[in-house]
Amino acid sequence: QVQLVESGGGLVQAGGSLRLSCAASGRAFSSYAMGWFRQDPGKEREFVGAINWSGVYTDYADSVKGRFTISRDNAKNTVYLQMNSLKPDDTGVYYCAAKLATMTRDLYDWDYWGKGTLVTVSS
């Protein structure tokens, strides 16, 4: 069992930056791939990015590639999402997710979820 708690959301102007954190509790954090998803009201949750267990491999949605960076610190049981050059379209609730084995873009393949943190980007 893994518990995930996101933090770092807030209000930022377009062009600004935020760093989200996701703290994990439970066993064997370093065994899990970690992902970030976001959701706007009335829309399906969408993939933002993911990182494999070691941190060597990452994957990003085209909409955030080059602007967002995922990293992890297995010693601190924490994964990060650095978001730069933010746009109003980046607004949403950002969720952290965990799964064993390989990372995937399919949200239904992820086993554990946090409760989310709200990011609002003003124009």
PDB file of N, CA and C in Angstrom:
ATOM      1  N   GLN A   1       0.847  -1.201   0.000  1.00  0.00           N
ATOM      2  CA  GLN A   1       0.000   0.000   0.000  1.00  0.00           C
ATOM      3  C   GLN A   1       0.872   1.236   0.000  1.00  0.00           C
ATOM      4  N   VAL A   2       0.489   2.214  -0.796  1.00  0.00           N
ATOM      5  CA  VAL A   2       1.230   3.472  -0.897  1.00  0.00           C
ATOM      6  C   VAL A   2       0.255   4.629  -0.711  1.00  0.00           C
ATOM      7  N   GLN A   3       0.608   5.565   0.142  1.00  0.00           N
ATOM      8  CA  GLN A   3      -0.180   6.782   0.319  1.00  0.00           C
ATOM      9  C   GLN A   3       0.597   7.936  -0.307  1.00  0.00           C
ATOM     10  N   LEU A   4      -0.117   8.763  -1.056  1.00  0.00           N
ATOM     11  CA  LEU A   4       0.504   9.870  -1.783  1.00  0.00           C
ATOM     12  C   LEU A   4      -0.134  11.190  -1.380  1.00  0.00           C
ATOM     13  N   VAL A   5       0.708  12.189  -1.138  1.00  0.00           N
ATOM     14  CA  VAL A   5       0.211  13.514  -0.768  1.00  0.00           C
ATOM     15  C   VAL A   5       0.920  14.559  -1.618  1.00  0.00           C
ATOM     16  N   GLU A   6       0.133  15.274  -2.417  1.00  0.00           N
ATOM     17  CA  GLU A   6       0.689  16.326  -3.266  1.00  0.00           C
ATOM     18  C   GLU A   6       0.713  17.665  -2.525  1.00  0.00           C
ATOM     19  N   SER A   7       1.642  18.511  -2.924  1.00  0.00           N
ATOM     20  CA  SER A   7       1.714  19.867  -2.395  1.00  0.00           C
ATOM     21  C   SER A   7       2.384  20.773  -3.427  1.00  0.00           C
ATOM     22  N   GLY A   8       2.264  22.075  -3.198  1.00  0.00           N
ATOM     23  CA  GLY A   8       2.949  23.026  -4.063  1.00  0.00           C
ATOM     24  C   GLY A   8       2.084  23.747  -5.060  1.00  0.00           C
ATOM     25  N   GLY A   9       0.805  23.399  -5.119  1.00  0.00           N
ATOM     26  CA  GLY A   9      -0.079  24.088  -6.042  1.00  0.00           C
ATOM     27  C   GLY A   9      -0.347  25.519  -5.604  1.00  0.00           C
ATOM     28  N   GLY A  10      -0.952  26.287  -6.491  1.00  0.00           N
ATOM     29  CA  GLY A  10      -1.275  27.666  -6.161  1.00  0.00           C
ATOM     30  C   GLY A  10      -1.628  28.457  -7.391  1.00  0.00           C
ATOM     31  N   LEU A  11      -1.663  29.762  -7.214  1.00  0.00           N
ATOM     32  CA  LEU A  11      -1.996  30.685  -8.295  1.00  0.00           C
ATOM     33  C   LEU A  11      -0.714  31.314  -8.828  1.00  0.00           C
ATOM     34  N   VAL A  12      -0.565  31.292 -10.140  1.00  0.00           N
ATOM     35  CA  VAL A  12       0.635  31.846 -10.754  1.00  0.00           C
ATOM     36  C   VAL A  12       0.239  32.530 -12.060  1.00  0.00           C
ATOM     37  N   GLN A  13       0.968  33.546 -12.435  1.00  0.00           N
ATOM     38  CA  GLN A  13       0.704  34.218 -13.704  1.00  0.00           C
ATOM     39  C   GLN A  13       1.302  33.421 -14.861  1.00  0.00           C
ATOM     40  N   ALA A  14       0.710  33.604 -16.013  1.00  0.00           N
ATOM     41  CA  ALA A  14       1.239  32.964 -17.217  1.00  0.00           C
ATOM     42  C   ALA A  14       2.704  33.335 -17.394  1.00  0.00           C
ATOM     43  N   GLY A  15       3.503  32.323 -17.753  1.00  0.00           N
ATOM     44  CA  GLY A  15       4.937  32.529 -17.884  1.00  0.00           C
ATOM     45  C   GLY A  15       5.718  32.196 -16.631  1.00  0.00           C
ATOM     46  N   GLY A  16       5.023  32.032 -15.535  1.00  0.00           N
ATOM     47  CA  GLY A  16       5.674  31.741 -14.273  1.00  0.00           C
ATOM     48  C   GLY A  16       5.974  30.266 -14.087  1.00  0.00           C
ATOM     49  N   SER A  17       6.454  29.937 -12.884  1.00  0.00           N
ATOM     50  CA  SER A  17       6.865  28.571 -12.571  1.00  0.00           C
ATOM     51  C   SER A  17       6.289  28.131 -11.238  1.00  0.00           C
ATOM     52  N   LEU A  18       6.117  26.829 -11.110  1.00  0.00           N
ATOM     53  CA  LEU A  18       5.737  26.192  -9.855  1.00  0.00           C
ATOM     54  C   LEU A  18       6.437  24.847  -9.786  1.00  0.00           C
ATOM     55  N   ARG A  19       6.682  24.402  -8.571  1.00  0.00           N
ATOM     56  CA  ARG A  19       7.183  23.048  -8.391  1.00  0.00           C
ATOM     57  C   ARG A  19       6.235  22.293  -7.476  1.00  0.00           C
ATOM     58  N   LEU A  20       5.693  21.211  -7.983  1.00  0.00           N
ATOM     59  CA  LEU A  20       4.840  20.341  -7.195  1.00  0.00           C
ATOM     60  C   LEU A  20       5.673  19.226  -6.590  1.00  0.00           C
ATOM     61  N   SER A  21       5.259  18.810  -5.414  1.00  0.00           N
ATOM     62  CA  SER A  21       5.892  17.680  -4.753  1.00  0.00           C
ATOM     63  C   SER A  21       4.839  16.625  -4.455  1.00  0.00           C
ATOM     64  N   CYS A  22       5.277  15.395  -4.424  1.00  0.00           N
ATOM     65  CA  CYS A  22       4.403  14.288  -4.047  1.00  0.00           C
ATOM     66  C   CYS A  22       5.184  13.415  -3.074  1.00  0.00           C
ATOM     67  N   ALA A  23       4.748  13.414  -1.834  1.00  0.00           N
ATOM     68  CA  ALA A  23       5.395  12.619  -0.798  1.00  0.00           C
ATOM     69  C   ALA A  23       4.684  11.286  -0.672  1.00  0.00           C
ATOM     70  N   ALA A  24       5.454  10.229  -0.683  1.00  0.00           N
ATOM     71  CA  ALA A  24       4.890   8.880  -0.607  1.00  0.00           C
ATOM     72  C   ALA A  24       5.238   8.236   0.725  1.00  0.00           C
ATOM     73  N   SER A  25       4.281   7.542   1.279  1.00  0.00           N
ATOM     74  CA  SER A  25       4.538   6.740   2.469  1.00  0.00           C
ATOM     75  C   SER A  25       4.152   5.309   2.154  1.00  0.00           C
ATOM     76  N   GLY A  26       4.747   4.411   2.874  1.00  0.00           N
ATOM     77  CA  GLY A  26       4.522   3.005   2.571  1.00  0.00           C
ATOM     78  C   GLY A  26       5.832   2.348   2.210  1.00  0.00           C
ATOM     79  N   ARG A  27       5.735   1.155   1.737  1.00  0.00           N
ATOM     80  CA  ARG A  27       6.927   0.373   1.499  1.00  0.00           C
ATOM     81  C   ARG A  27       7.432   0.463   0.073  1.00  0.00           C
ATOM     82  N   ALA A  28       8.729   0.393  -0.067  1.00  0.00           N
ATOM     83  CA  ALA A  28       9.373   0.179  -1.357  1.00  0.00           C
ATOM     84  C   ALA A  28       9.022   1.245  -2.394  1.00  0.00           C
ATOM     85  N   PHE A  29       9.132   2.503  -2.003  1.00  0.00           N
ATOM     86  CA  PHE A  29       8.850   3.594  -2.942  1.00  0.00           C
ATOM     87  C   PHE A  29       9.689   3.453  -4.198  1.00  0.00           C
ATOM     88  N   SER A  30      10.917   3.041  -4.060  1.00  0.00           N
ATOM     89  CA  SER A  30      11.813   2.961  -5.216  1.00  0.00           C
ATOM     90  C   SER A  30      11.417   1.861  -6.190  1.00  0.00           C
ATOM     91  N   SER A  31      10.441   1.055  -5.845  1.00  0.00           N
ATOM     92  CA  SER A  31       9.959   0.014  -6.754  1.00  0.00           C
ATOM     93  C   SER A  31       8.880   0.520  -7.696  1.00  0.00           C
ATOM     94  N   TYR A  32       8.383   1.728  -7.433  1.00  0.00           N
ATOM     95  CA  TYR A  32       7.220   2.235  -8.150  1.00  0.00           C
ATOM     96  C   TYR A  32       7.601   3.252  -9.220  1.00  0.00           C
ATOM     97  N   ALA A  33       6.977   3.104 -10.371  1.00  0.00           N
ATOM     98  CA  ALA A  33       6.954   4.207 -11.319  1.00  0.00           C
ATOM     99  C   ALA A  33       5.998   5.261 -10.765  1.00  0.00           C
ATOM    100  N   MET A  34       6.293   6.527 -11.045  1.00  0.00           N
ATOM    101  CA  MET A  34       5.472   7.623 -10.549  1.00  0.00           C
ATOM    102  C   MET A  34       4.989   8.471 -11.718  1.00  0.00           C
ATOM    103  N   GLY A  35       3.769   8.938 -11.594  1.00  0.00           N
ATOM    104  CA  GLY A  35       3.199   9.721 -12.680  1.00  0.00           C
ATOM    105  C   GLY A  35       2.500  10.961 -12.172  1.00  0.00           C
ATOM    106  N   TRP A  36       2.319  11.909 -13.068  1.00  0.00           N
ATOM    107  CA  TRP A  36       1.534  13.115 -12.802  1.00  0.00           C
ATOM    108  C   TRP A  36       0.434  13.195 -13.860  1.00  0.00           C
ATOM    109  N   PHE A  37      -0.755  13.490 -13.384  1.00  0.00           N
ATOM    110  CA  PHE A  37      -1.910  13.682 -14.242  1.00  0.00           C
ATOM    111  C   PHE A  37      -2.585  14.988 -13.824  1.00  0.00           C
ATOM    112  N   ARG A  38      -3.414  15.522 -14.699  1.00  0.00           N
ATOM    113  CA  ARG A  38      -4.171  16.715 -14.323  1.00  0.00           C
ATOM    114  C   ARG A  38      -5.587  16.597 -14.863  1.00  0.00           C
ATOM    115  N   GLN A  39      -6.464  17.362 -14.209  1.00  0.00           N
ATOM    116  CA  GLN A  39      -7.880  17.282 -14.575  1.00  0.00           C
ATOM    117  C   GLN A  39      -8.533  18.641 -14.447  1.00  0.00           C
ATOM    118  N   ASP A  40      -9.247  19.030 -15.505  1.00  0.00           N
ATOM    119  CA  ASP A  40     -10.093  20.208 -15.472  1.00  0.00           C
ATOM    120  C   ASP A  40     -11.503  19.755 -15.147  1.00  0.00           C
ATOM    121  N   PRO A  41     -12.302  20.637 -14.530  1.00  0.00           N
ATOM    122  CA  PRO A  41     -13.698  20.259 -14.244  1.00  0.00           C
ATOM    123  C   PRO A  41     -14.431  19.834 -15.512  1.00  0.00           C
ATOM    124  N   GLY A  42     -15.114  18.715 -15.452  1.00  0.00           N
ATOM    125  CA  GLY A  42     -15.893  18.249 -16.586  1.00  0.00           C
ATOM    126  C   GLY A  42     -15.102  17.517 -17.636  1.00  0.00           C
ATOM    127  N   LYS A  43     -13.819  17.361 -17.401  1.00  0.00           N
ATOM    128  CA  LYS A  43     -12.979  16.673 -18.380  1.00  0.00           C
ATOM    129  C   LYS A  43     -12.335  15.454 -17.746  1.00  0.00           C
ATOM    130  N   GLU A  44     -11.890  14.544 -18.591  1.00  0.00           N
ATOM    131  CA  GLU A  44     -11.216  13.366 -18.085  1.00  0.00           C
ATOM    132  C   GLU A  44      -9.805  13.727 -17.619  1.00  0.00           C
ATOM    133  N   ARG A  45      -9.358  12.999 -16.632  1.00  0.00           N
ATOM    134  CA  ARG A  45      -8.000  13.176 -16.154  1.00  0.00           C
ATOM    135  C   ARG A  45      -7.024  12.824 -17.283  1.00  0.00           C
ATOM    136  N   GLU A  46      -6.012  13.655 -17.464  1.00  0.00           N
ATOM    137  CA  GLU A  46      -5.084  13.429 -18.577  1.00  0.00           C
ATOM    138  C   GLU A  46      -3.653  13.284 -18.096  1.00  0.00           C
ATOM    139  N   PHE A  47      -2.900  12.536 -18.846  1.00  0.00           N
ATOM    140  CA  PHE A  47      -1.503  12.275 -18.546  1.00  0.00           C
ATOM    141  C   PHE A  47      -0.672  13.534 -18.734  1.00  0.00           C
ATOM    142  N   VAL A  48       0.215  13.786 -17.773  1.00  0.00           N
ATOM    143  CA  VAL A  48       1.157  14.898 -17.873  1.00  0.00           C
ATOM    144  C   VAL A  48       2.565  14.366 -18.081  1.00  0.00           C
ATOM    145  N   GLY A  49       2.979  13.441 -17.216  1.00  0.00           N
ATOM    146  CA  GLY A  49       4.308  12.881 -17.333  1.00  0.00           C
ATOM    147  C   GLY A  49       4.499  11.754 -16.344  1.00  0.00           C
ATOM    148  N   ALA A  50       5.584  11.004 -16.527  1.00  0.00           N
ATOM    149  CA  ALA A  50       5.876   9.883 -15.646  1.00  0.00           C
ATOM    150  C   ALA A  50       7.384   9.663 -15.585  1.00  0.00           C
ATOM    151  N   ILE A  51       7.791   8.959 -14.547  1.00  0.00           N
ATOM    152  CA  ILE A  51       9.204   8.650 -14.342  1.00  0.00           C
ATOM    153  C   ILE A  51       9.310   7.215 -13.851  1.00  0.00           C
ATOM    154  N   ASN A  52      10.322   6.514 -14.309  1.00  0.00           N
ATOM    155  CA  ASN A  52      10.443   5.117 -13.891  1.00  0.00           C
ATOM    156  C   ASN A  52      11.038   5.029 -12.497  1.00  0.00           C
ATOM    157  N   TRP A  53      11.171   3.826 -11.984  1.00  0.00           N
ATOM    158  CA  TRP A  53      11.563   3.640 -10.598  1.00  0.00           C
ATOM    159  C   TRP A  53      12.919   4.229 -10.269  1.00  0.00           C
ATOM    160  N   SER A  54      13.842   4.191 -11.229  1.00  0.00           N
ATOM    161  CA  SER A  54      15.203   4.656 -10.965  1.00  0.00           C
ATOM    162  C   SER A  54      15.392   6.135 -11.277  1.00  0.00           C
ATOM    163  N   GLY A  55      14.463   6.700 -12.023  1.00  0.00           N
ATOM    164  CA  GLY A  55      14.610   8.086 -12.434  1.00  0.00           C
ATOM    165  C   GLY A  55      15.345   8.269 -13.744  1.00  0.00           C
ATOM    166  N   VAL A  56      15.748   7.177 -14.359  1.00  0.00           N
ATOM    167  CA  VAL A  56      16.516   7.258 -15.598  1.00  0.00           C
ATOM    168  C   VAL A  56      15.620   7.603 -16.791  1.00  0.00           C
ATOM    169  N   TYR A  57      14.417   7.052 -16.774  1.00  0.00           N
ATOM    170  CA  TYR A  57      13.510   7.247 -17.913  1.00  0.00           C
ATOM    171  C   TYR A  57      12.332   8.124 -17.528  1.00  0.00           C
ATOM    172  N   THR A  58      11.983   9.025 -18.426  1.00  0.00           N
ATOM    173  CA  THR A  58      10.818   9.883 -18.238  1.00  0.00           C
ATOM    174  C   THR A  58      10.003   9.924 -19.529  1.00  0.00           C
ATOM    175  N   ASP A  59       8.754  10.311 -19.373  1.00  0.00           N
ATOM    176  CA  ASP A  59       7.858  10.445 -20.519  1.00  0.00           C
ATOM    177  C   ASP A  59       6.969  11.645 -20.253  1.00  0.00           C
ATOM    178  N   TYR A  60       6.677  12.413 -21.296  1.00  0.00           N
ATOM    179  CA  TYR A  60       5.880  13.624 -21.131  1.00  0.00           C
ATOM    180  C   TYR A  60       4.816  13.720 -22.217  1.00  0.00           C
ATOM    181  N   ALA A  61       3.691  14.298 -21.837  1.00  0.00           N
ATOM    182  CA  ALA A  61       2.697  14.648 -22.842  1.00  0.00           C
ATOM    183  C   ALA A  61       3.279  15.727 -23.752  1.00  0.00           C
ATOM    184  N   ASP A  62       2.875  15.710 -25.011  1.00  0.00           N
ATOM    185  CA  ASP A  62       3.396  16.692 -25.961  1.00  0.00           C
ATOM    186  C   ASP A  62       3.127  18.126 -25.509  1.00  0.00           C
ATOM    187  N   SER A  63       2.018  18.317 -24.821  1.00  0.00           N
ATOM    188  CA  SER A  63       1.615  19.666 -24.419  1.00  0.00           C
ATOM    189  C   SER A  63       2.538  20.279 -23.373  1.00  0.00           C
ATOM    190  N   VAL A  64       3.312  19.455 -22.683  1.00  0.00           N
ATOM    191  CA  VAL A  64       4.184  19.976 -21.621  1.00  0.00           C
ATOM    192  C   VAL A  64       5.655  19.730 -21.894  1.00  0.00           C
ATOM    193  N   LYS A  65       5.956  18.993 -22.933  1.00  0.00           N
ATOM    194  CA  LYS A  65       7.338  18.641 -23.237  1.00  0.00           C
ATOM    195  C   LYS A  65       8.170  19.904 -23.442  1.00  0.00           C
ATOM    196  N   GLY A  66       9.318  19.943 -22.792  1.00  0.00           N
ATOM    197  CA  GLY A  66      10.192  21.103 -22.882  1.00  0.00           C
ATOM    198  C   GLY A  66       9.908  22.168 -21.833  1.00  0.00           C
ATOM    199  N   ARG A  67       8.768  22.062 -21.166  1.00  0.00           N
ATOM    200  CA  ARG A  67       8.404  23.040 -20.127  1.00  0.00           C
ATOM    201  C   ARG A  67       8.361  22.417 -18.740  1.00  0.00           C
ATOM    202  N   PHE A  68       7.959  21.156 -18.662  1.00  0.00           N
ATOM    203  CA  PHE A  68       7.829  20.461 -17.383  1.00  0.00           C
ATOM    204  C   PHE A  68       8.937  19.418 -17.250  1.00  0.00           C
ATOM    205  N   THR A  69       9.374  19.212 -16.011  1.00  0.00           N
ATOM    206  CA  THR A  69      10.395  18.205 -15.733  1.00  0.00           C
ATOM    207  C   THR A  69      10.002  17.412 -14.487  1.00  0.00           C
ATOM    208  N   ILE A  70      10.043  16.102 -14.615  1.00  0.00           N
ATOM    209  CA  ILE A  70       9.774  15.224 -13.482  1.00  0.00           C
ATOM    210  C   ILE A  70      11.096  14.693 -12.955  1.00  0.00           C
ATOM    211  N   SER A  71      11.202  14.662 -11.635  1.00  0.00           N
ATOM    212  CA  SER A  71      12.371  14.072 -10.993  1.00  0.00           C
ATOM    213  C   SER A  71      11.918  13.362  -9.723  1.00  0.00           C
ATOM    214  N   ARG A  72      12.789  12.560  -9.165  1.00  0.00           N
ATOM    215  CA  ARG A  72      12.446  11.857  -7.932  1.00  0.00           C
ATOM    216  C   ARG A  72      13.670  11.732  -7.053  1.00  0.00           C
ATOM    217  N   ASP A  73      13.398  11.666  -5.765  1.00  0.00           N
ATOM    218  CA  ASP A  73      14.436  11.434  -4.762  1.00  0.00           C
ATOM    219  C   ASP A  73      13.987  10.221  -3.955  1.00  0.00           C
ATOM    220  N   ASN A  74      14.529   9.081  -4.271  1.00  0.00           N
ATOM    221  CA  ASN A  74      14.080   7.854  -3.606  1.00  0.00           C
ATOM    222  C   ASN A  74      14.474   7.828  -2.129  1.00  0.00           C
ATOM    223  N   ALA A  75      15.498   8.548  -1.765  1.00  0.00           N
ATOM    224  CA  ALA A  75      15.882   8.615  -0.354  1.00  0.00           C
ATOM    225  C   ALA A  75      14.855   9.391   0.456  1.00  0.00           C
ATOM    226  N   LYS A  76      14.146  10.310  -0.200  1.00  0.00           N
ATOM    227  CA  LYS A  76      13.133  11.123   0.488  1.00  0.00           C
ATOM    228  C   LYS A  76      11.713  10.665   0.172  1.00  0.00           C
ATOM    229  N   ASN A  77      11.578   9.605  -0.616  1.00  0.00           N
ATOM    230  CA  ASN A  77      10.248   9.109  -1.011  1.00  0.00           C
ATOM    231  C   ASN A  77       9.398  10.211  -1.628  1.00  0.00           C
ATOM    232  N   THR A  78      10.017  10.978  -2.510  1.00  0.00           N
ATOM    233  CA  THR A  78       9.328  12.138  -3.071  1.00  0.00           C
ATOM    234  C   THR A  78       9.582  12.227  -4.577  1.00  0.00           C
ATOM    235  N   VAL A  79       8.539  12.609  -5.283  1.00  0.00           N
ATOM    236  CA  VAL A  79       8.652  12.893  -6.707  1.00  0.00           C
ATOM    237  C   VAL A  79       8.231  14.347  -6.928  1.00  0.00           C
ATOM    238  N   TYR A  80       8.862  14.977  -7.906  1.00  0.00           N
ATOM    239  CA  TYR A  80       8.645  16.401  -8.153  1.00  0.00           C
ATOM    240  C   TYR A  80       8.171  16.634  -9.584  1.00  0.00           C
ATOM    241  N   LEU A  81       7.437  17.717  -9.746  1.00  0.00           N
ATOM    242  CA  LEU A  81       7.062  18.173 -11.081  1.00  0.00           C
ATOM    243  C   LEU A  81       7.403  19.651 -11.162  1.00  0.00           C
ATOM    244  N   GLN A  82       8.483  19.966 -11.865  1.00  0.00           N
ATOM    245  CA  GLN A  82       8.878  21.349 -12.076  1.00  0.00           C
ATOM    246  C   GLN A  82       8.165  21.862 -13.320  1.00  0.00           C
ATOM    247  N   MET A  83       7.392  22.914 -13.157  1.00  0.00           N
ATOM    248  CA  MET A  83       6.590  23.449 -14.252  1.00  0.00           C
ATOM    249  C   MET A  83       7.049  24.866 -14.564  1.00  0.00           C
ATOM    250  N   ASN A  84       7.559  25.065 -15.760  1.00  0.00           N
ATOM    251  CA  ASN A  84       8.034  26.376 -16.211  1.00  0.00           C
ATOM    252  C   ASN A  84       7.187  26.864 -17.384  1.00  0.00           C
ATOM    253  N   SER A  85       7.293  28.142 -17.656  1.00  0.00           N
ATOM    254  CA  SER A  85       6.574  28.754 -18.779  1.00  0.00           C
ATOM    255  C   SER A  85       5.102  28.359 -18.764  1.00  0.00           C
ATOM    256  N   LEU A  86       4.493  28.485 -17.620  1.00  0.00           N
ATOM    257  CA  LEU A  86       3.114  28.044 -17.448  1.00  0.00           C
ATOM    258  C   LEU A  86       2.151  28.840 -18.310  1.00  0.00           C
ATOM    259  N   LYS A  87       1.121  28.139 -18.769  1.00  0.00           N
ATOM    260  CA  LYS A  87       0.085  28.727 -19.611  1.00  0.00           C
ATOM    261  C   LYS A  87      -1.265  28.568 -18.924  1.00  0.00           C
ATOM    262  N   PRO A  88      -2.246  29.395 -19.262  1.00  0.00           N
ATOM    263  CA  PRO A  88      -3.587  29.216 -18.681  1.00  0.00           C
ATOM    264  C   PRO A  88      -4.145  27.810 -18.918  1.00  0.00           C
ATOM    265  N   ASP A  89      -3.804  27.182 -20.028  1.00  0.00           N
ATOM    266  CA  ASP A  89      -4.278  25.821 -20.309  1.00  0.00           C
ATOM    267  C   ASP A  89      -3.698  24.789 -19.339  1.00  0.00           C
ATOM    268  N   ASP A  90      -2.683  25.147 -18.598  1.00  0.00           N
ATOM    269  CA  ASP A  90      -2.106  24.227 -17.610  1.00  0.00           C
ATOM    270  C   ASP A  90      -2.919  24.197 -16.316  1.00  0.00           C
ATOM    271  N   THR A  91      -3.911  25.041 -16.218  1.00  0.00           N
ATOM    272  CA  THR A  91      -4.757  25.088 -15.032  1.00  0.00           C
ATOM    273  C   THR A  91      -5.479  23.763 -14.824  1.00  0.00           C
ATOM    274  N   GLY A  92      -5.522  23.317 -13.577  1.00  0.00           N
ATOM    275  CA  GLY A  92      -6.237  22.086 -13.255  1.00  0.00           C
ATOM    276  C   GLY A  92      -5.791  21.549 -11.914  1.00  0.00           C
ATOM    277  N   VAL A  93      -6.421  20.459 -11.523  1.00  0.00           N
ATOM    278  CA  VAL A  93      -5.987  19.739 -10.331  1.00  0.00           C
ATOM    279  C   VAL A  93      -4.952  18.718 -10.771  1.00  0.00           C
ATOM    280  N   TYR A  94      -3.804  18.760 -10.136  1.00  0.00           N
ATOM    281  CA  TYR A  94      -2.704  17.866 -10.485  1.00  0.00           C
ATOM    282  C   TYR A  94      -2.648  16.722  -9.482  1.00  0.00           C
ATOM    283  N   TYR A  95      -2.625  15.515 -10.019  1.00  0.00           N
ATOM    284  CA  TYR A  95      -2.616  14.309  -9.210  1.00  0.00           C
ATOM    285  C   TYR A  95      -1.311  13.544  -9.412  1.00  0.00           C
ATOM    286  N   CYS A  96      -0.840  13.009  -8.327  1.00  0.00           N
ATOM    287  CA  CYS A  96       0.313  12.112  -8.331  1.00  0.00           C
ATOM    288  C   CYS A  96      -0.212  10.680  -8.315  1.00  0.00           C
ATOM    289  N   ALA A  97       0.477   9.788  -9.012  1.00  0.00           N
ATOM    290  CA  ALA A  97       0.060   8.392  -9.068  1.00  0.00           C
ATOM    291  C   ALA A  97       1.277   7.475  -9.000  1.00  0.00           C
ATOM    292  N   ALA A  98       1.034   6.245  -8.562  1.00  0.00           N
ATOM    293  CA  ALA A  98       2.111   5.263  -8.438  1.00  0.00           C
ATOM    294  C   ALA A  98       1.649   3.920  -8.983  1.00  0.00           C
ATOM    295  N   LYS A  99       2.589   3.197  -9.556  1.00  0.00           N
ATOM    296  CA  LYS A  99       2.300   1.840 -10.007  1.00  0.00           C
ATOM    297  C   LYS A  99       3.597   1.046 -10.032  1.00  0.00           C
ATOM    298  N   LEU A 100       3.444  -0.242  -9.849  1.00  0.00           N
ATOM    299  CA  LEU A 100       4.597  -1.122  -9.974  1.00  0.00           C
ATOM    300  C   LEU A 100       4.905  -1.339 -11.446  1.00  0.00           C
ATOM    301  N   ALA A 101       6.082  -1.815 -11.694  1.00  0.00           N
ATOM    302  CA  ALA A 101       6.517  -2.159 -13.059  1.00  0.00           C
ATOM    303  C   ALA A 101       6.615  -0.902 -13.920  1.00  0.00           C
ATOM    304  N   THR A 102       6.312  -1.047 -15.204  1.00  0.00           N
ATOM    305  CA  THR A 102       6.625   0.014 -16.152  1.00  0.00           C
ATOM    306  C   THR A 102       5.642   1.169 -16.070  1.00  0.00           C
ATOM    307  N   MET A 103       6.094   2.347 -16.466  1.00  0.00           N
ATOM    308  CA  MET A 103       5.213   3.507 -16.505  1.00  0.00           C
ATOM    309  C   MET A 103       4.358   3.436 -17.766  1.00  0.00           C
ATOM    310  N   THR A 104       3.245   4.136 -17.727  1.00  0.00           N
ATOM    311  CA  THR A 104       2.285   4.125 -18.826  1.00  0.00           C
ATOM    312  C   THR A 104       1.532   5.445 -18.855  1.00  0.00           C
ATOM    313  N   ARG A 105       0.973   5.774 -19.984  1.00  0.00           N
ATOM    314  CA  ARG A 105       0.162   6.989 -20.102  1.00  0.00           C
ATOM    315  C   ARG A 105      -1.305   6.740 -19.765  1.00  0.00           C
ATOM    316  N   ASP A 106      -1.681   5.482 -19.622  1.00  0.00           N
ATOM    317  CA  ASP A 106      -3.074   5.125 -19.374  1.00  0.00           C
ATOM    318  C   ASP A 106      -3.391   5.269 -17.888  1.00  0.00           C
ATOM    319  N   LEU A 107      -4.251   6.197 -17.534  1.00  0.00           N
ATOM    320  CA  LEU A 107      -4.526   6.451 -16.125  1.00  0.00           C
ATOM    321  C   LEU A 107      -5.141   5.237 -15.437  1.00  0.00           C
ATOM    322  N   TYR A 108      -5.807   4.377 -16.182  1.00  0.00           N
ATOM    323  CA  TYR A 108      -6.465   3.220 -15.563  1.00  0.00           C
ATOM    324  C   TYR A 108      -5.471   2.132 -15.166  1.00  0.00           C
ATOM    325  N   ASP A 109      -4.244   2.258 -15.579  1.00  0.00           N
ATOM    326  CA  ASP A 109      -3.206   1.295 -15.215  1.00  0.00           C
ATOM    327  C   ASP A 109      -2.513   1.640 -13.903  1.00  0.00           C
ATOM    328  N   TRP A 110      -2.790   2.847 -13.370  1.00  0.00           N
ATOM    329  CA  TRP A 110      -2.108   3.293 -12.163  1.00  0.00           C
ATOM    330  C   TRP A 110      -2.862   2.820 -10.927  1.00  0.00           C
ATOM    331  N   ASP A 111      -2.104   2.410  -9.906  1.00  0.00           N
ATOM    332  CA  ASP A 111      -2.705   1.725  -8.765  1.00  0.00           C
ATOM    333  C   ASP A 111      -3.063   2.647  -7.597  1.00  0.00           C
ATOM    334  N   TYR A 112      -2.250   3.664  -7.370  1.00  0.00           N
ATOM    335  CA  TYR A 112      -2.440   4.532  -6.204  1.00  0.00           C
ATOM    336  C   TYR A 112      -2.465   5.992  -6.650  1.00  0.00           C
ATOM    337  N   TRP A 113      -3.318   6.749  -5.967  1.00  0.00           N
ATOM    338  CA  TRP A 113      -3.510   8.157  -6.322  1.00  0.00           C
ATOM    339  C   TRP A 113      -3.516   9.039  -5.087  1.00  0.00           C
ATOM    340  N   GLY A 114      -2.984  10.247  -5.246  1.00  0.00           N
ATOM    341  CA  GLY A 114      -3.148  11.255  -4.222  1.00  0.00           C
ATOM    342  C   GLY A 114      -4.458  11.983  -4.417  1.00  0.00           C
ATOM    343  N   LYS A 115      -4.719  12.953  -3.549  1.00  0.00           N
ATOM    344  CA  LYS A 115      -5.981  13.691  -3.606  1.00  0.00           C
ATOM    345  C   LYS A 115      -5.894  14.925  -4.495  1.00  0.00           C
ATOM    346  N   GLY A 116      -4.699  15.271  -4.920  1.00  0.00           N
ATOM    347  CA  GLY A 116      -4.536  16.351  -5.871  1.00  0.00           C
ATOM    348  C   GLY A 116      -4.204  17.685  -5.242  1.00  0.00           C
ATOM    349  N   THR A 117      -3.624  18.546  -6.067  1.00  0.00           N
ATOM    350  CA  THR A 117      -3.333  19.922  -5.665  1.00  0.00           C
ATOM    351  C   THR A 117      -3.696  20.827  -6.843  1.00  0.00           C
ATOM    352  N   LEU A 118      -4.339  21.952  -6.527  1.00  0.00           N
ATOM    353  CA  LEU A 118      -4.878  22.825  -7.571  1.00  0.00           C
ATOM    354  C   LEU A 118      -3.813  23.806  -8.056  1.00  0.00           C
ATOM    355  N   VAL A 119      -3.676  23.865  -9.369  1.00  0.00           N
ATOM    356  CA  VAL A 119      -2.807  24.851 -10.014  1.00  0.00           C
ATOM    357  C   VAL A 119      -3.683  25.756 -10.874  1.00  0.00           C
ATOM    358  N   THR A 120      -3.568  27.044 -10.650  1.00  0.00           N
ATOM    359  CA  THR A 120      -4.322  28.014 -11.433  1.00  0.00           C
ATOM    360  C   THR A 120      -3.347  28.978 -12.089  1.00  0.00           C
ATOM    361  N   VAL A 121      -3.413  29.060 -13.403  1.00  0.00           N
ATOM    362  CA  VAL A 121      -2.532  29.954 -14.151  1.00  0.00           C
ATOM    363  C   VAL A 121      -3.382  31.065 -14.744  1.00  0.00           C
ATOM    364  N   SER A 122      -3.107  32.272 -14.325  1.00  0.00           N
ATOM    365  CA  SER A 122      -3.878  33.417 -14.810  1.00  0.00           C
ATOM    366  C   SER A 122      -3.202  34.046 -16.028  1.00  0.00           C
ATOM    367  N   SER A 123      -4.044  34.600 -16.889  1.00  0.00           N
ATOM    368  CA  SER A 123      -3.507  35.207 -18.123  1.00  0.00           C
ATOM    369  C   SER A 123      -3.176  36.676 -17.932  1.00  0.00           C
TER     370      SER A 123
END
